[in-house]
Protein backbone atom coordinates (compact mmCIF):
# COMPACT_ATOMS: atom_id res chain seq x y z
CA UNK A 1 -10.89 122.37 -154.20
CA UNK A 2 -11.65 122.04 -150.52
CA UNK A 3 -8.39 121.67 -148.64
CA UNK A 4 -7.80 122.66 -145.01
CA UNK A 5 -4.79 124.78 -144.13
CA UNK A 6 -2.92 121.76 -142.75
CA UNK A 7 -3.47 119.32 -145.62
CA UNK A 8 -2.71 118.77 -149.29
CA UNK A 9 -5.06 117.08 -151.74
CA UNK A 10 -2.91 114.25 -153.10
CA UNK A 11 -3.41 111.96 -156.07
CA UNK A 12 -0.47 109.65 -155.40
CA UNK A 13 3.05 109.46 -153.93
CA UNK A 14 6.17 107.92 -155.44
CA UNK A 15 8.79 107.12 -152.82
CA UNK A 16 11.88 106.64 -154.96
CA UNK A 17 11.43 108.81 -158.03
CA UNK A 18 14.40 109.30 -160.34
CA UNK A 19 12.78 111.24 -163.21
CA UNK A 20 11.35 114.27 -161.39
CA UNK A 21 14.35 116.33 -160.44
CA UNK A 22 17.91 115.66 -159.27
CA UNK A 23 18.81 112.54 -157.32
CA UNK A 24 16.39 110.19 -155.59
CA UNK A 25 13.16 111.95 -154.70
CA UNK A 26 9.89 111.62 -152.90
CA UNK A 27 7.43 112.74 -155.58
CA UNK A 28 3.99 113.95 -154.49
CA UNK A 29 1.44 114.21 -157.27
CA UNK A 30 -1.25 116.67 -156.21
CA UNK A 31 -4.84 116.50 -157.39
CA UNK A 32 -6.35 119.09 -159.70
CA UNK A 33 -5.40 120.95 -162.88
CA UNK A 34 -7.06 123.71 -164.90
CA UNK A 35 -5.57 122.45 -168.17
CA UNK A 36 -6.63 119.35 -170.08
CA UNK A 37 -3.61 118.60 -172.24
CA UNK A 38 -4.30 116.27 -175.14
CA UNK A 39 -1.34 114.04 -174.25
CA UNK A 40 -1.84 114.01 -170.46
CA UNK A 41 -0.73 110.60 -169.16
CA UNK A 42 -2.36 111.18 -165.77
CA UNK A 43 -5.81 112.54 -166.72
CA UNK A 44 -7.16 111.23 -163.42
CA UNK A 45 -5.26 114.06 -161.70
CA UNK A 46 -7.25 116.77 -163.54
CA UNK A 47 -10.45 116.71 -161.47
CA UNK A 48 -10.04 119.28 -158.66
CA UNK A 49 -12.56 117.41 -156.50
CA UNK A 50 -10.70 114.11 -156.42
CA UNK A 51 -7.68 113.26 -154.34
CA UNK A 52 -6.95 112.18 -150.79
CA UNK A 53 -6.28 114.63 -147.98
CA UNK A 54 -2.85 114.19 -146.42
CA UNK A 55 -1.74 116.07 -143.33
CA UNK A 56 1.24 118.24 -144.26
CA UNK A 57 3.17 117.25 -141.13
CA UNK A 58 2.70 113.57 -141.96
CA UNK A 59 4.23 114.20 -145.38
CA UNK A 60 7.11 116.08 -143.76
CA UNK A 61 7.81 113.18 -141.41
CA UNK A 62 7.70 110.77 -144.33
CA UNK A 63 10.29 112.90 -146.14
CA UNK A 64 12.50 113.06 -143.06
CA UNK A 65 12.57 109.25 -142.92
CA UNK A 66 13.86 109.24 -146.51
CA UNK A 67 16.68 111.75 -145.99
CA UNK A 68 19.35 109.04 -146.00
CA UNK A 69 18.21 108.03 -149.49
CA UNK A 70 18.14 111.60 -150.78
CA UNK A 71 21.89 112.07 -150.30
CA UNK A 72 23.34 115.35 -151.51
CA UNK A 73 21.13 115.76 -154.59
CA UNK A 74 17.71 114.28 -153.82
CA UNK A 75 14.71 115.65 -151.99
CA UNK A 76 10.99 116.28 -152.46
CA UNK A 77 9.25 117.11 -155.74
CA UNK A 78 5.66 118.32 -155.83
CA UNK A 79 3.99 117.64 -159.16
CA UNK A 80 0.43 117.11 -160.32
CA UNK A 81 -2.02 117.86 -161.68
CA UNK A 82 -0.97 121.45 -161.17
CA UNK A 83 0.57 121.90 -157.71
CA UNK A 84 0.37 125.69 -157.66
CA UNK A 85 -3.43 125.48 -157.32
CA UNK A 86 -2.58 124.56 -153.71
CA UNK A 87 0.18 127.15 -153.31
CA UNK A 88 -0.93 128.38 -149.87
CA UNK A 89 -0.59 124.87 -148.48
CA UNK A 90 2.62 124.14 -150.37
CA UNK A 91 4.01 127.24 -148.67
CA UNK A 92 3.46 125.57 -145.30
CA UNK A 93 4.84 122.26 -146.57
CA UNK A 94 7.98 123.67 -148.17
CA UNK A 95 8.71 125.91 -145.20
CA UNK A 96 8.78 122.80 -143.00
CA UNK A 97 10.94 120.90 -145.51
CA UNK A 98 13.50 123.72 -145.58
CA UNK A 99 13.55 123.69 -141.76
CA UNK A 100 14.61 120.04 -142.13
CA UNK A 101 17.19 120.95 -144.80
CA UNK A 102 15.39 119.00 -147.53
CA UNK A 103 15.72 120.04 -151.19
CA UNK A 104 12.44 121.24 -152.74
CA UNK A 105 11.30 121.12 -156.34
CA UNK A 106 8.07 122.17 -158.08
CA UNK A 107 6.94 120.68 -161.40
CA UNK A 108 4.46 123.20 -162.82
CA UNK A 109 2.79 124.36 -166.02
CA UNK A 110 3.34 127.95 -164.90
CA UNK A 111 -0.26 129.02 -165.34
CA UNK A 112 -0.69 130.42 -161.82
CA UNK A 113 1.45 133.32 -160.61
CA UNK A 114 -0.27 134.95 -157.66
CA UNK A 115 1.07 136.15 -154.31
CA UNK A 116 1.13 132.72 -152.60
CA UNK A 117 2.91 131.23 -155.64
CA UNK A 118 5.48 134.03 -155.54
CA UNK A 119 6.07 133.38 -151.85
CA UNK A 120 6.63 129.69 -152.52
CA UNK A 121 9.03 130.44 -155.37
CA UNK A 122 10.97 133.22 -153.69
CA UNK A 123 11.44 131.71 -150.26
CA UNK A 124 11.24 127.92 -150.30
CA UNK A 125 11.68 126.44 -153.79
CA UNK A 126 15.19 125.26 -154.67
CA UNK A 127 14.27 124.19 -158.20
CA UNK A 128 11.41 124.81 -160.63
CA UNK A 129 10.69 122.41 -163.48
CA UNK A 130 8.53 124.38 -165.91
CA UNK A 131 6.48 122.56 -168.54
CA UNK A 132 6.38 124.47 -171.81
CA UNK A 133 3.35 123.22 -173.74
CA UNK A 134 3.85 125.09 -177.01
CA UNK A 135 5.52 128.28 -178.20
CA UNK A 136 2.57 129.64 -180.20
CA UNK A 137 -0.82 130.74 -178.96
CA UNK A 138 -2.66 128.56 -181.46
CA UNK A 139 -0.59 125.52 -180.52
CA UNK A 140 -1.02 126.18 -176.80
CA UNK A 141 -4.79 126.38 -177.13
CA UNK A 142 -4.86 123.20 -179.21
CA UNK A 143 -2.87 121.21 -176.65
CA UNK A 144 -4.24 122.61 -173.38
CA UNK A 145 -7.77 123.71 -174.21
CA UNK A 146 -7.01 127.11 -172.65
CA UNK A 147 -5.93 130.49 -173.97
CA UNK A 148 -2.82 132.55 -173.18
CA UNK A 149 0.45 130.77 -173.84
CA UNK A 150 2.15 133.87 -172.41
CA UNK A 151 1.38 132.73 -168.86
CA UNK A 152 4.17 130.15 -168.86
CA UNK A 153 6.60 132.68 -170.34
CA UNK A 154 5.66 135.19 -167.64
CA UNK A 155 6.25 132.52 -165.01
CA UNK A 156 9.66 131.73 -166.51
CA UNK A 157 10.60 135.42 -166.54
CA UNK A 158 9.64 135.75 -162.89
CA UNK A 159 11.85 132.80 -161.99
CA UNK A 160 14.69 134.13 -164.14
CA UNK A 161 14.53 137.53 -162.42
CA UNK A 162 14.85 135.80 -159.04
CA UNK A 163 18.15 134.24 -160.08
CA UNK A 164 17.02 130.83 -158.83
CA UNK A 165 17.43 127.50 -160.64
CA UNK A 166 15.03 126.28 -163.28
CA UNK A 167 14.69 123.37 -165.70
CA UNK A 168 12.38 123.33 -168.71
CA UNK A 169 10.32 120.37 -169.87
CA UNK A 170 8.90 119.97 -173.37
CA UNK A 171 6.89 117.11 -174.87
CA UNK A 172 7.92 116.19 -178.40
CA UNK A 173 4.96 115.29 -180.61
CA UNK A 174 5.78 114.83 -184.32
CA UNK A 175 4.25 117.58 -186.46
CA UNK A 176 2.66 119.26 -183.41
CA UNK A 177 5.50 120.32 -181.11
CA UNK A 178 8.46 118.63 -182.79
CA UNK A 179 9.07 120.88 -185.77
CA UNK A 180 12.44 122.56 -186.37
CA UNK A 181 10.88 126.02 -186.54
CA UNK A 182 9.11 125.50 -183.19
CA UNK A 183 12.28 124.20 -181.55
CA UNK A 184 14.23 127.22 -182.79
CA UNK A 185 11.47 129.50 -181.50
CA UNK A 186 11.67 127.77 -178.12
CA UNK A 187 15.42 128.28 -178.06
CA UNK A 188 15.13 131.93 -179.04
CA UNK A 189 12.58 132.50 -176.28
CA UNK A 190 15.01 131.37 -173.59
CA UNK A 191 18.50 131.74 -175.07
CA UNK A 192 19.49 134.61 -172.78
CA UNK A 193 18.22 133.04 -169.56
CA UNK A 194 20.91 132.41 -166.94
CA UNK A 195 18.90 130.29 -164.48
CA UNK A 196 17.97 127.45 -166.86
CA UNK A 197 20.26 124.51 -166.11
CA UNK A 198 18.77 122.14 -168.67
CA UNK A 199 15.82 121.32 -170.86
CA UNK A 200 14.29 117.85 -170.64
CA UNK A 201 12.62 116.49 -173.75
CA UNK A 202 9.76 114.08 -173.17
CA UNK A 203 9.24 111.77 -176.16
CA UNK A 204 5.54 111.38 -176.96
CA UNK A 205 3.92 108.09 -175.96
CA UNK A 206 0.40 106.73 -175.57
CA UNK A 207 0.80 104.96 -172.22
CA UNK A 208 -2.02 106.95 -170.65
CA UNK A 209 -4.75 106.18 -173.21
CA UNK A 210 -6.36 103.51 -171.02
CA UNK A 211 -6.84 106.12 -168.29
CA UNK A 212 -8.71 108.38 -170.71
CA UNK A 213 -10.91 105.45 -171.70
CA UNK A 214 -11.55 104.58 -168.05
CA UNK A 215 -12.76 108.14 -167.48
CA UNK A 216 -15.05 107.93 -170.52
CA UNK A 217 -13.06 110.65 -172.30
CA UNK A 218 -12.07 110.72 -175.97
CA UNK A 219 -8.32 110.61 -176.59
CA UNK A 220 -7.81 112.98 -179.51
CA UNK A 221 -4.20 112.16 -180.35
CA UNK A 222 -4.80 108.60 -181.51
CA UNK A 223 -3.35 109.47 -184.90
CA UNK A 224 -0.17 110.95 -183.47
CA UNK A 225 2.89 108.75 -183.73
CA UNK A 226 5.96 108.36 -181.58
CA UNK A 227 9.21 110.07 -182.57
CA UNK A 228 11.86 108.16 -184.47
CA UNK A 229 15.36 108.03 -182.91
CA UNK A 230 16.50 110.34 -185.71
CA UNK A 231 13.82 112.91 -184.87
CA UNK A 232 14.76 112.86 -181.19
CA UNK A 233 18.42 113.32 -182.07
CA UNK A 234 17.61 116.22 -184.40
CA UNK A 235 15.49 117.95 -181.76
CA UNK A 236 18.25 117.58 -179.19
CA UNK A 237 20.82 118.90 -181.66
CA UNK A 238 18.76 122.00 -182.43
CA UNK A 239 18.12 122.82 -178.79
CA UNK A 240 21.73 122.18 -177.77
CA UNK A 241 22.67 125.38 -179.57
CA UNK A 242 20.49 127.33 -177.09
CA UNK A 243 20.68 125.43 -173.78
CA UNK A 244 23.53 124.30 -171.52
CA UNK A 245 22.18 120.76 -171.36
CA UNK A 246 19.55 118.87 -173.34
CA UNK A 247 18.30 115.57 -171.94
CA UNK A 248 15.95 113.11 -173.65
CA UNK A 249 13.92 111.36 -170.95
């Protein structure tokens, strides 16, 4: 990924996002991801060589113009792709946003935890939304195409140790991630964490299939079905015994 020190490689920008953190938010979807999740609804963000270069200061000024809409709860969310692949540049971006008293949020899969990422987390990130792909190594490899499910748990532990706020996100796929035993395992993994404010459950859908087809890629979850209302309610009930708040998006 070729990005100058003053720019971010951006896939798209949503000006009035309401599903990517608290309040009304400017959501910046960065280009590039090292995972290729089977259910990815934005597969066009995966290629690290795509994207449009945006000057960081231009993005800051755009956020400043939106401050009246942010109110007390809103702000800027950086998503992807995987934003932490551009951590050095996010560091510059978030530092400027905090100078302007703008709330910052990172939506990440937690796979990267190097020094620049730690600097971003420790100094300039008000909230982390961490995507948990699966609780088992076999399941993680099946969904992401990569090894080492422990990376996201290590990321969560680092955030927990900092004492700073975190939300979890988890996609519910019947018979793949939405099984009672997996939900209990997820709860057990995080039941003693103090920084987790909520877990957001993302019901599985196939809205991104046309993007896979446009890229000439095979969508391998064609046989997966959407959750029934009863299954969603059961998943929320199980997780509510472990987390302060469970939200079905």
